Amino acid sequence: MASQADRPIFVIGCPRSGTTLLQLMLHSHQRIAIPAETRFLLPAYTARCEFGDLRDSANRRALGEWITGRKETKFKDLGLDAAQVVDEIVDGPPTMGSALGIVFRAYARKFGKPRWGDKRPSYFKHVPTLLRMWPDAQFVHLIRDGRDCVGSLKEMPWYKLDVNHAISAWREAIDYGRRYATDLGPESYYELQYERLVADPAGELSGLCAFLGEEFDPAMTAPQDIAKLTVPPQKRWHDRTHTAVTSGRVGAWSKRLEPWEIGLAESAFGERLADYGYELSGAPKPSPAMLGKFAKTAAHRRMSQRKKDLRDRWQRRYEPGPVECLLTADTAESAALT
């Protein structure tokens, strides 16, 4: 088992469940640094076979330049020196997990912190992949009333799918989470509920810190301070992170969703809402046609994910080398001195 400082922290959950708020709370901790979404981790892993054997320093350099130079990623938002990061990757251990870890470690070092993490809601589908690279990772799953997630997704300028996909996303996040709770156990997997977090930040974050093996830092309850420094201004849908933590958006689904959408969501979620203490509205049940359309969407999403999993298993047969991260606190200290 690695030391706590060597254990990355991954924040997962259905989109619009409050993962950005939680990321900022964690980033406010004096020992933890978690950036906004970077969008290079999974693409780099998926393209791992293209970089060849990373024991070749030229291949490590190509990987480093790919991570730091692609416009599709958010590397520039990290505020790091790209050339320096590439050099660290070249000088680092020859694995994909190590190369990616070096980038996040450099971000943590920028803030003088020993521990790093990453946040992206869709990681809930990719926990096995993350564990391949970081076997000792800890996962924090933030759960919010699924109806609020659906209602918020509908209003996002970047969300182009329909309500059936939004409902499916929340149900998938819950079902994946139940599996991880069993498979990973209480040392590696932890659940928080958004409603409790915003109602009692200090109490809920104290429990989270105990799970992470860190002392509670009161600064975590005022994430608006760090939000002003780290949340990109173009992300207007995160404007509320610039203000104090509030319960003002809890239950907003009752105004954001049409009655038929509420009924469809509650039928699709089944017992999952009640299991987390969310009360049903008594909305009219959806028609067979609505349920059929939802079932078709959910089945299509399951099939798409199975295909991705199969492609990954096929790729593993042709990996040019191991992917597990080999960084330790000792290598981090030596990098800081160079």
Protein backbone atom coordinates (compact mmCIF):
# COMPACT_ATOMS: atom_id res chain seq x y z
CA MET A 1 0.00 0.00 0.00
CA ALA A 2 1.35 3.39 -0.99
CA SER A 3 1.61 6.28 1.45
CA GLN A 4 -1.41 8.60 1.53
CA ALA A 5 0.54 11.29 -0.33
CA ASP A 6 1.04 8.84 -3.21
CA ARG A 7 -2.68 8.05 -3.52
CA PRO A 8 -4.39 10.20 -6.15
CA ILE A 9 -7.96 11.34 -5.52
CA PHE A 10 -10.56 11.07 -8.28
CA VAL A 11 -13.89 12.88 -8.03
CA ILE A 12 -16.66 11.12 -9.96
CA GLY A 13 -20.42 11.43 -10.36
CA CYS A 14 -23.22 12.14 -12.77
CA PRO A 15 -22.68 15.41 -14.66
CA ARG A 16 -24.21 18.42 -12.84
CA SER A 17 -24.12 16.65 -9.48
CA GLY A 18 -21.84 19.26 -7.91
CA THR A 19 -18.48 17.70 -8.76
CA THR A 20 -16.96 21.11 -9.57
CA LEU A 21 -17.97 22.39 -6.13
CA LEU A 22 -16.40 19.33 -4.51
CA GLN A 23 -13.26 19.70 -6.63
CA LEU A 24 -12.89 23.27 -5.41
CA MET A 25 -13.44 22.23 -1.81
CA LEU A 26 -10.71 19.63 -2.09
CA HIS A 27 -8.42 22.05 -3.90
CA SER A 28 -8.88 24.48 -1.00
CA HIS A 29 -7.24 21.93 1.32
CA GLN A 30 -3.69 22.89 2.24
CA ARG A 31 -2.32 19.52 1.07
CA ILE A 32 -4.48 18.69 -1.98
CA ALA A 33 -4.53 20.12 -5.51
CA ILE A 34 -7.24 19.15 -7.98
CA PRO A 35 -7.56 21.13 -11.22
CA ALA A 36 -10.62 21.82 -13.33
CA GLU A 37 -11.29 19.21 -16.02
CA THR A 38 -8.15 18.60 -18.05
CA ARG A 39 -9.43 16.18 -20.71
CA PHE A 40 -6.12 14.56 -21.56
CA LEU A 41 -6.01 11.58 -19.19
CA LEU A 42 -8.42 9.20 -20.92
CA PRO A 43 -7.43 10.24 -24.49
CA ALA A 44 -3.76 9.60 -23.66
CA TYR A 45 -4.57 6.18 -22.22
CA THR A 46 -6.73 5.29 -25.23
CA ALA A 47 -3.90 6.28 -27.60
CA ARG A 48 -1.20 4.52 -25.56
CA CYS A 49 -0.30 2.00 -28.25
CA GLU A 50 0.46 4.82 -30.67
CA PHE A 51 3.36 6.07 -28.56
CA GLY A 52 5.27 2.82 -28.57
CA ASP A 53 7.55 1.53 -25.85
CA LEU A 54 7.97 4.32 -23.29
CA ARG A 55 11.34 2.92 -22.26
CA ASP A 56 12.50 4.85 -25.32
CA SER A 57 12.99 8.46 -24.18
CA ALA A 58 12.01 9.75 -27.64
CA ASN A 59 8.61 8.12 -27.19
CA ARG A 60 8.22 9.70 -23.76
CA ARG A 61 9.00 13.07 -25.28
CA ALA A 62 6.41 12.51 -28.02
CA LEU A 63 3.85 11.62 -25.36
CA GLY A 64 4.72 14.69 -23.29
CA GLU A 65 4.41 16.98 -26.30
CA TRP A 66 1.09 15.35 -27.21
CA ILE A 67 -0.29 15.98 -23.70
CA THR A 68 0.91 19.57 -23.48
CA GLY A 69 0.40 20.64 -27.08
CA ARG A 70 -3.01 19.44 -28.21
CA LYS A 71 -5.69 22.13 -28.46
CA GLU A 72 -8.36 19.59 -27.53
CA THR A 73 -7.04 19.34 -23.98
CA LYS A 74 -7.14 21.91 -21.20
CA PHE A 75 -3.44 21.72 -20.37
CA LYS A 76 -3.01 25.48 -20.83
CA ASP A 77 -5.56 26.08 -18.06
CA LEU A 78 -3.12 24.47 -15.61
CA GLY A 79 -0.71 27.40 -15.92
CA LEU A 80 2.33 25.13 -16.19
CA ASP A 81 5.52 25.45 -18.22
CA ALA A 82 4.95 22.95 -21.03
CA ALA A 83 8.63 22.46 -21.83
CA GLN A 84 9.46 21.78 -18.19
CA VAL A 85 6.63 19.24 -17.89
CA VAL A 86 7.80 17.47 -21.06
CA ASP A 87 11.34 17.28 -19.68
CA GLU A 88 10.02 15.80 -16.43
CA ILE A 89 8.11 13.16 -18.39
CA VAL A 90 11.27 12.30 -20.36
CA ASP A 91 13.24 11.99 -17.11
CA GLY A 92 10.48 10.08 -15.34
CA PRO A 93 9.53 6.39 -15.13
CA PRO A 94 8.61 4.82 -18.51
CA THR A 95 4.89 4.18 -18.03
CA MET A 96 1.71 5.97 -19.09
CA GLY A 97 0.51 6.34 -15.50
CA SER A 98 3.83 7.91 -14.53
CA ALA A 99 3.74 10.42 -17.41
CA LEU A 100 0.21 11.52 -16.57
CA GLY A 101 0.97 11.59 -12.86
CA ILE A 102 3.91 13.90 -13.52
CA VAL A 103 1.56 16.49 -15.03
CA PHE A 104 -0.79 16.43 -12.05
CA ARG A 105 2.12 16.35 -9.64
CA ALA A 106 3.54 19.49 -11.30
CA TYR A 107 0.17 21.19 -10.83
CA ALA A 108 0.15 20.28 -7.14
CA ARG A 109 3.72 21.51 -6.78
CA LYS A 110 2.66 24.86 -8.25
CA PHE A 111 0.51 25.34 -5.13
CA GLY A 112 3.10 23.85 -2.77
CA LYS A 113 0.99 20.76 -2.11
CA PRO A 114 2.08 17.13 -1.88
CA ARG A 115 -1.08 15.41 -3.07
CA TRP A 116 -2.90 15.55 -6.40
CA GLY A 117 -6.20 14.48 -7.85
CA ASP A 118 -8.43 14.90 -10.86
CA LYS A 119 -12.11 15.49 -11.50
CA ARG A 120 -14.28 14.50 -14.40
CA PRO A 121 -17.84 13.21 -13.95
CA SER A 122 -17.54 10.60 -16.71
CA TYR A 123 -14.70 8.90 -14.83
CA PHE A 124 -17.41 6.86 -13.12
CA LYS A 125 -17.39 4.68 -16.24
CA HIS A 126 -13.62 4.32 -16.23
CA VAL A 127 -12.63 3.42 -12.68
CA PRO A 128 -11.00 0.11 -13.80
CA THR A 129 -8.85 2.07 -16.25
CA LEU A 130 -7.79 4.54 -13.57
CA LEU A 131 -6.97 1.65 -11.23
CA ARG A 132 -4.72 0.11 -13.88
CA MET A 133 -2.57 3.23 -13.74
CA TRP A 134 -3.03 4.06 -10.04
CA PRO A 135 -3.95 0.89 -8.09
CA ASP A 136 -4.01 2.80 -4.78
CA ALA A 137 -6.27 5.62 -6.01
CA GLN A 138 -9.16 6.82 -3.88
CA PHE A 139 -12.53 7.60 -5.45
CA VAL A 140 -15.02 10.14 -4.12
CA HIS A 141 -18.48 9.75 -5.65
CA LEU A 142 -20.77 12.76 -5.25
CA ILE A 143 -24.45 11.89 -5.54
CA ARG A 144 -27.23 14.41 -6.09
CA ASP A 145 -30.99 13.98 -6.54
CA GLY A 146 -31.18 12.59 -10.07
CA ARG A 147 -34.05 14.92 -10.97
CA ASP A 148 -31.87 17.94 -10.15
CA CYS A 149 -29.07 16.52 -12.31
CA VAL A 150 -31.46 16.03 -15.23
CA GLY A 151 -32.99 19.48 -14.81
CA SER A 152 -29.56 21.11 -14.74
CA LEU A 153 -28.25 19.14 -17.72
CA LYS A 154 -31.16 20.35 -19.81
CA GLU A 155 -30.04 23.94 -19.33
CA MET A 156 -26.36 23.46 -20.14
CA PRO A 157 -25.22 25.02 -23.44
CA TRP A 158 -22.81 22.13 -24.02
CA TYR A 159 -25.36 19.35 -23.45
CA LYS A 160 -26.81 18.30 -26.81
CA LEU A 161 -28.59 15.05 -25.86
CA ASP A 162 -32.22 14.58 -24.85
CA VAL A 163 -33.82 13.91 -21.47
CA ASN A 164 -33.61 10.12 -21.97
CA HIS A 165 -29.81 10.33 -22.07
CA ALA A 166 -29.73 12.60 -19.02
CA ILE A 167 -31.89 10.17 -17.03
CA SER A 168 -29.74 7.26 -18.17
CA ALA A 169 -26.55 9.03 -17.07
CA TRP A 170 -27.72 9.38 -13.46
CA ARG A 171 -28.96 5.79 -13.29
CA GLU A 172 -25.65 4.55 -14.69
CA ALA A 173 -23.64 6.58 -12.17
CA ILE A 174 -25.63 5.08 -9.29
CA ASP A 175 -25.31 1.51 -10.58
CA TYR A 176 -21.58 1.83 -11.24
CA GLY A 177 -21.15 3.31 -7.78
CA ARG A 178 -22.89 0.39 -6.11
CA ARG A 179 -20.51 -1.97 -7.89
CA TYR A 180 -17.45 0.00 -6.84
CA ALA A 181 -18.61 0.18 -3.22
CA THR A 182 -18.55 -3.62 -3.16
CA ASP A 183 -15.43 -4.18 -5.26
CA LEU A 184 -13.19 -1.46 -3.82
CA GLY A 185 -14.32 -1.29 -0.22
CA PRO A 186 -14.30 1.59 2.27
CA GLU A 187 -10.56 2.29 1.96
CA SER A 188 -10.82 3.27 -1.71
CA TYR A 189 -14.44 4.32 -2.37
CA TYR A 190 -16.47 6.98 -0.60
CA GLU A 191 -19.90 8.47 -1.26
CA LEU A 192 -21.12 11.96 -0.45
CA GLN A 193 -24.56 13.42 -1.06
CA TYR A 194 -24.71 16.91 -2.50
CA GLU A 195 -27.69 17.96 -0.38
CA ARG A 196 -25.91 17.06 2.86
CA LEU A 197 -22.66 18.62 1.67
CA VAL A 198 -24.17 22.05 1.02
CA ALA A 199 -26.28 21.92 4.22
CA ASP A 200 -23.34 21.00 6.48
CA PRO A 201 -20.03 21.53 4.64
CA ALA A 202 -17.81 21.24 7.72
CA GLY A 203 -19.42 18.04 8.94
CA GLU A 204 -19.48 16.29 5.57
CA LEU A 205 -15.97 17.39 4.62
CA SER A 206 -14.61 16.22 7.97
CA GLY A 207 -15.87 12.74 7.14
CA LEU A 208 -14.36 12.95 3.68
CA CYS A 209 -10.98 14.00 5.08
CA ALA A 210 -11.04 11.04 7.46
CA PHE A 211 -11.51 8.75 4.46
CA LEU A 212 -8.63 10.45 2.64
CA GLY A 213 -6.36 10.18 5.66
CA GLU A 214 -6.04 13.96 5.87
CA GLU A 215 -6.83 16.44 8.61
CA PHE A 216 -9.87 18.62 8.00
CA ASP A 217 -8.99 22.07 6.70
CA PRO A 218 -11.62 24.78 7.44
CA ALA A 219 -10.66 26.54 4.20
CA MET A 220 -12.52 23.77 2.37
CA THR A 221 -15.85 25.28 3.43
CA ALA A 222 -15.14 28.49 1.48
CA PRO A 223 -14.30 27.19 -2.03
CA GLN A 224 -15.40 30.48 -3.62
CA ASP A 225 -11.98 31.90 -2.77
CA ILE A 226 -10.06 29.38 -4.88
CA ALA A 227 -12.78 29.40 -7.58
CA LYS A 228 -11.86 32.97 -8.47
CA LEU A 229 -8.35 31.76 -9.28
CA THR A 230 -9.00 28.42 -10.97
CA VAL A 231 -12.45 28.34 -12.64
CA PRO A 232 -12.12 29.50 -16.28
CA PRO A 233 -14.30 32.63 -16.79
CA GLN A 234 -15.84 31.23 -19.99
CA LYS A 235 -17.57 28.50 -17.97
CA ARG A 236 -20.56 30.64 -17.06
CA TRP A 237 -22.48 27.59 -15.82
CA HIS A 238 -20.05 27.51 -12.88
CA ASP A 239 -20.76 31.10 -11.81
CA ARG A 240 -22.33 29.91 -8.56
CA THR A 241 -18.96 28.54 -7.44
CA HIS A 242 -17.86 32.15 -6.95
CA THR A 243 -20.34 32.62 -4.10
CA ALA A 244 -20.67 31.03 -0.66
CA VAL A 245 -21.94 27.46 -0.42
CA THR A 246 -25.72 27.37 -0.32
CA SER A 247 -28.64 24.94 -0.49
CA GLY A 248 -30.51 27.25 -2.83
CA ARG A 249 -30.53 24.84 -5.78
CA VAL A 250 -31.70 21.79 -3.85
CA GLY A 251 -35.04 20.63 -5.26
CA ALA A 252 -34.93 23.01 -8.23
CA TRP A 253 -36.05 20.11 -10.43
CA SER A 254 -39.68 20.85 -9.51
CA LYS A 255 -39.44 24.07 -11.57
CA ARG A 256 -36.92 22.95 -14.17
CA LEU A 257 -38.68 19.77 -15.36
CA GLU A 258 -42.04 19.24 -17.02
CA PRO A 259 -44.45 16.89 -15.21
CA TRP A 260 -43.94 14.19 -17.84
CA GLU A 261 -40.15 14.44 -17.41
CA ILE A 262 -40.48 14.06 -13.66
CA GLY A 263 -42.69 11.01 -14.10
CA LEU A 264 -40.30 9.44 -16.59
CA ALA A 265 -37.28 10.09 -14.37
CA GLU A 266 -38.93 8.66 -11.27
CA SER A 267 -40.05 5.56 -13.13
CA ALA A 268 -36.62 5.01 -14.67
CA PHE A 269 -34.79 5.57 -11.40
CA GLY A 270 -36.94 3.04 -9.58
CA GLU A 271 -35.87 2.41 -5.99
CA ARG A 272 -32.61 4.32 -6.44
CA LEU A 273 -34.12 7.66 -5.38
CA ALA A 274 -35.68 6.23 -2.23
CA ASP A 275 -32.45 4.41 -1.36
CA TYR A 276 -30.76 7.80 -0.98
CA GLY A 277 -33.65 9.39 0.86
CA TYR A 278 -35.15 11.36 -2.03
CA GLU A 279 -38.94 11.53 -1.88
CA LEU A 280 -41.04 10.80 -4.95
CA SER A 281 -43.32 13.52 -6.26
CA GLY A 282 -46.29 11.37 -7.25
CA ALA A 283 -46.07 12.64 -10.84
CA PRO A 284 -48.15 10.75 -13.43
CA LYS A 285 -46.53 7.59 -14.71
CA PRO A 286 -45.15 7.79 -18.25
CA SER A 287 -46.87 6.17 -21.18
CA PRO A 288 -45.62 2.86 -22.59
CA ALA A 289 -44.30 4.78 -25.59
CA MET A 290 -42.19 7.05 -23.36
CA LEU A 291 -40.86 4.10 -21.40
CA GLY A 292 -40.06 2.30 -24.64
CA LYS A 293 -38.08 5.24 -25.98
CA PHE A 294 -36.15 5.50 -22.73
CA ALA A 295 -35.43 1.76 -22.71
CA LYS A 296 -34.07 2.01 -26.26
CA THR A 297 -31.77 4.89 -25.30
CA ALA A 298 -30.52 3.07 -22.18
CA ALA A 299 -29.84 -0.10 -24.18
CA HIS A 300 -27.95 1.87 -26.84
CA ARG A 301 -25.76 3.46 -24.17
CA ARG A 302 -25.03 0.09 -22.58
CA MET A 303 -24.04 -1.35 -25.93
CA SER A 304 -21.80 1.60 -26.68
CA GLN A 305 -20.01 1.18 -23.36
CA ARG A 306 -19.58 -2.57 -23.92
CA LYS A 307 -17.95 -1.85 -27.27
CA LYS A 308 -15.54 0.59 -25.63
CA ASP A 309 -14.69 -1.99 -22.97
CA LEU A 310 -14.06 -4.62 -25.63
CA ARG A 311 -11.78 -2.27 -27.57
CA ASP A 312 -9.81 -1.60 -24.41
CA ARG A 313 -9.40 -5.31 -23.69
CA TRP A 314 -8.20 -5.81 -27.23
CA GLN A 315 -5.72 -2.94 -26.88
CA ARG A 316 -4.29 -4.46 -23.72
CA ARG A 317 -3.05 -7.41 -25.76
CA TYR A 318 -0.86 -5.06 -27.78
CA GLU A 319 0.38 -2.66 -25.13
CA PRO A 320 4.07 -1.97 -25.66
CA GLY A 321 4.71 -1.81 -21.91
CA PRO A 322 3.18 -1.50 -18.43
CA VAL A 323 0.87 1.42 -17.66
CA GLU A 324 1.04 1.48 -13.85
CA CYS A 325 2.36 4.68 -12.29
CA LEU A 326 5.78 4.26 -10.67
CA LEU A 327 6.00 7.70 -9.06
CA THR A 328 6.54 7.95 -5.32
CA ALA A 329 6.91 10.75 -2.82
CA ASP A 330 10.69 10.32 -3.14
CA THR A 331 10.65 10.89 -6.90
CA ALA A 332 8.36 13.88 -6.40
CA GLU A 333 10.83 15.42 -3.97
CA SER A 334 13.73 14.90 -6.35
CA ALA A 335 11.77 16.47 -9.22
CA ALA A 336 11.05 19.51 -7.09
CA LEU A 337 14.77 19.99 -6.51
CA THR A 338 15.72 19.90 -10.20
